Amino acid sequence: MKPIFLFIVFTFSSLNFSIEKSFYYDVLASGSIEEIDDMILMIEKEKTVPLNLAYKGTLIAKKASLIKNAKTKISLFKSGIKLLENEIYINPSEVEYRFLRLAIQEKCPKLLKYNKNLIEDRDIILAGFSKLSKDLKKIILDYSKISDVLISSKLK
């Protein structure tokens, strides 16, 4: 899969296309440090826009969960969360950013105490769900099947 992934990354990067949501979320869910690093590089080659910064922050936070070294893990996590939180601060009603944070907070170890916005984010996602793109709705619905906070039957 790696050669195909690299081909896609470099093709999209060189043509300056924006990142496709389903491709991004597949990488986020993959649990592969290599794929996450490749996606971060792809994002860094893109135009710096709020969504890309939120994506990058989420990927960095996810990557932290895959690192063994505790010091590096915490440092990466904090830097990723800082990017994501900054975008939420600037765009507090952006449903996708709230979804990204909810997904990170829900899977985050309790010892990091990064779980204070679960209900707030869930409520914003539920309220804005109907206005989202078809692709993002599908991604959120799929996630809701494994979530303890975001219940699929409430997404309309």
Protein backbone atom coordinates (compact mmCIF):
# COMPACT_ATOMS: atom_id res chain seq x y z
CA MET A 1 0.00 0.00 0.00
CA LYS A 2 2.89 2.36 0.68
CA PRO A 3 3.84 2.96 -3.02
CA ILE A 4 0.22 3.78 -3.91
CA PHE A 5 -0.09 6.08 -0.91
CA LEU A 6 3.09 7.95 -1.82
CA PHE A 7 1.94 8.28 -5.43
CA ILE A 8 -1.34 9.80 -4.29
CA VAL A 9 0.40 12.11 -1.80
CA PHE A 10 2.88 13.44 -4.33
CA THR A 11 0.32 13.70 -7.13
CA PHE A 12 -2.07 15.71 -4.99
CA SER A 13 0.74 17.81 -3.52
CA SER A 14 2.28 18.72 -6.84
CA LEU A 15 -1.09 19.67 -8.31
CA ASN A 16 -1.94 21.73 -5.20
CA PHE A 17 -5.30 19.99 -4.70
CA SER A 18 -6.96 20.25 -1.36
CA ILE A 19 -6.97 17.18 0.82
CA GLU A 20 -9.92 14.86 0.34
CA LYS A 21 -11.78 14.27 3.61
CA SER A 22 -12.21 10.51 3.32
CA PHE A 23 -8.51 10.09 2.50
CA TYR A 24 -7.53 12.22 5.51
CA TYR A 25 -9.84 10.32 7.86
CA ASP A 26 -8.58 6.96 6.57
CA VAL A 27 -5.03 8.00 7.47
CA LEU A 28 -6.18 9.33 10.85
CA ALA A 29 -7.81 5.98 11.61
CA SER A 30 -4.93 3.93 10.23
CA GLY A 31 -2.66 3.91 13.25
CA SER A 32 0.36 4.06 10.96
CA ILE A 33 3.04 6.57 11.96
CA GLU A 34 4.43 6.44 8.43
CA GLU A 35 1.08 7.29 6.82
CA ILE A 36 0.43 10.01 9.39
CA ASP A 37 3.87 11.54 8.70
CA ASP A 38 3.20 11.42 4.96
CA MET A 39 -0.17 13.13 5.42
CA ILE A 40 1.40 15.81 7.63
CA LEU A 41 3.95 16.48 4.88
CA MET A 42 1.14 16.69 2.35
CA ILE A 43 -0.73 19.18 4.53
CA GLU A 44 2.40 21.27 5.00
CA LYS A 45 2.74 21.57 1.22
CA GLU A 46 -0.83 22.83 0.95
CA LYS A 47 -1.96 26.39 1.44
CA THR A 48 -2.14 27.25 5.14
CA VAL A 49 -5.84 27.43 5.92
CA PRO A 50 -7.67 26.80 9.20
CA LEU A 51 -8.92 23.33 8.19
CA ASN A 52 -5.41 22.18 7.30
CA LEU A 53 -4.10 23.45 10.65
CA ALA A 54 -6.88 21.57 12.47
CA TYR A 55 -6.10 18.43 10.44
CA LYS A 56 -2.39 18.73 11.16
CA GLY A 57 -2.97 19.22 14.89
CA THR A 58 -5.23 16.19 15.05
CA LEU A 59 -2.71 14.05 13.16
CA ILE A 60 0.09 15.12 15.49
CA ALA A 61 -2.05 14.29 18.54
CA LYS A 62 -2.92 10.91 17.01
CA LYS A 63 0.74 10.24 16.22
CA ALA A 64 1.58 10.90 19.88
CA SER A 65 -0.63 7.98 20.85
CA LEU A 66 1.53 5.70 18.68
CA ILE A 67 4.93 6.82 20.02
CA LYS A 68 6.65 4.76 22.72
CA ASN A 69 8.88 7.41 24.33
CA ALA A 70 6.81 9.14 27.06
CA LYS A 71 8.56 12.51 26.82
CA THR A 72 8.15 12.64 23.03
CA LYS A 73 4.58 11.40 23.32
CA ILE A 74 3.57 14.22 25.68
CA SER A 75 5.42 16.88 23.70
CA LEU A 76 3.81 15.78 20.41
CA PHE A 77 0.39 15.56 21.99
CA LYS A 78 0.60 19.07 23.43
CA SER A 79 1.79 20.57 20.14
CA GLY A 80 -0.99 18.86 18.18
CA ILE A 81 -3.67 19.87 20.64
CA LYS A 82 -2.40 23.45 20.63
CA LEU A 83 -2.95 23.67 16.85
CA LEU A 84 -6.43 22.15 17.05
CA GLU A 85 -7.51 24.21 20.06
CA ASN A 86 -6.34 27.40 18.37
CA GLU A 87 -8.53 26.69 15.34
CA ILE A 88 -11.51 25.93 17.59
CA TYR A 89 -10.91 29.18 19.47
CA ILE A 90 -10.90 31.13 16.19
CA ASN A 91 -13.85 29.20 14.68
CA PRO A 92 -15.90 27.94 17.64
CA SER A 93 -18.94 26.98 15.59
CA GLU A 94 -17.01 24.89 13.02
CA VAL A 95 -18.58 21.45 13.41
CA GLU A 96 -15.71 19.50 11.84
CA TYR A 97 -13.18 20.96 14.29
CA ARG A 98 -15.47 19.96 17.14
CA PHE A 99 -15.70 16.46 15.69
CA LEU A 100 -11.91 16.22 15.48
CA ARG A 101 -11.55 17.28 19.10
CA LEU A 102 -14.30 14.93 20.26
CA ALA A 103 -12.57 12.00 18.56
CA ILE A 104 -9.24 12.85 20.19
CA GLN A 105 -10.73 13.54 23.62
CA GLU A 106 -12.79 10.38 23.61
CA LYS A 107 -9.75 8.19 22.93
CA CYS A 108 -7.32 10.19 25.06
CA PRO A 109 -6.02 8.54 28.25
CA LYS A 110 -7.79 9.99 31.29
CA LEU A 111 -4.45 10.78 32.93
CA LEU A 112 -3.88 13.56 30.34
CA LYS A 113 -7.12 15.23 31.49
CA TYR A 114 -8.05 16.21 27.96
CA ASN A 115 -11.74 15.34 28.03
CA LYS A 116 -13.55 18.42 29.28
CA ASN A 117 -15.34 19.30 26.00
CA LEU A 118 -16.95 16.01 25.07
CA ILE A 119 -20.55 17.01 25.78
CA GLU A 120 -20.15 20.54 24.38
CA ASP A 121 -18.60 19.18 21.17
CA ARG A 122 -21.24 16.46 20.87
CA ASP A 123 -24.01 19.03 21.16
CA ILE A 124 -22.44 21.25 18.48
CA ILE A 125 -22.02 18.25 16.18
CA LEU A 126 -25.65 17.21 16.69
CA ALA A 127 -26.91 20.75 16.08
CA GLY A 128 -24.87 21.26 12.91
CA PHE A 129 -24.98 17.75 11.47
CA SER A 130 -27.75 18.41 8.94
CA LYS A 131 -25.73 21.21 7.32
CA LEU A 132 -22.59 19.12 6.73
CA SER A 133 -21.43 17.68 3.42
CA LYS A 134 -22.51 14.15 2.56
CA ASP A 135 -18.92 12.91 2.95
CA LEU A 136 -18.46 14.39 6.40
CA LYS A 137 -21.86 13.10 7.51
CA LYS A 138 -20.81 9.57 6.53
CA ILE A 139 -17.50 9.91 8.39
CA ILE A 140 -19.25 11.12 11.54
CA LEU A 141 -21.93 8.43 11.29
CA ASP A 142 -19.25 5.75 10.91
CA TYR A 143 -17.40 7.12 13.93
CA SER A 144 -20.60 7.24 15.98
CA LYS A 145 -20.84 3.44 15.69
CA ILE A 146 -17.73 3.10 17.90
CA SER A 147 -18.29 6.17 20.06
CA ASP A 148 -19.61 6.21 23.60
CA VAL A 149 -20.43 9.93 23.36
CA LEU A 150 -21.78 10.46 19.85
CA ILE A 151 -24.86 8.27 19.37
CA SER A 152 -25.76 7.56 15.72
CA SER A 153 -29.51 7.55 16.34
CA LYS A 154 -29.33 11.22 17.39
CA LEU A 155 -27.57 12.31 14.17
CA LYS A 156 -30.15 13.72 11.77
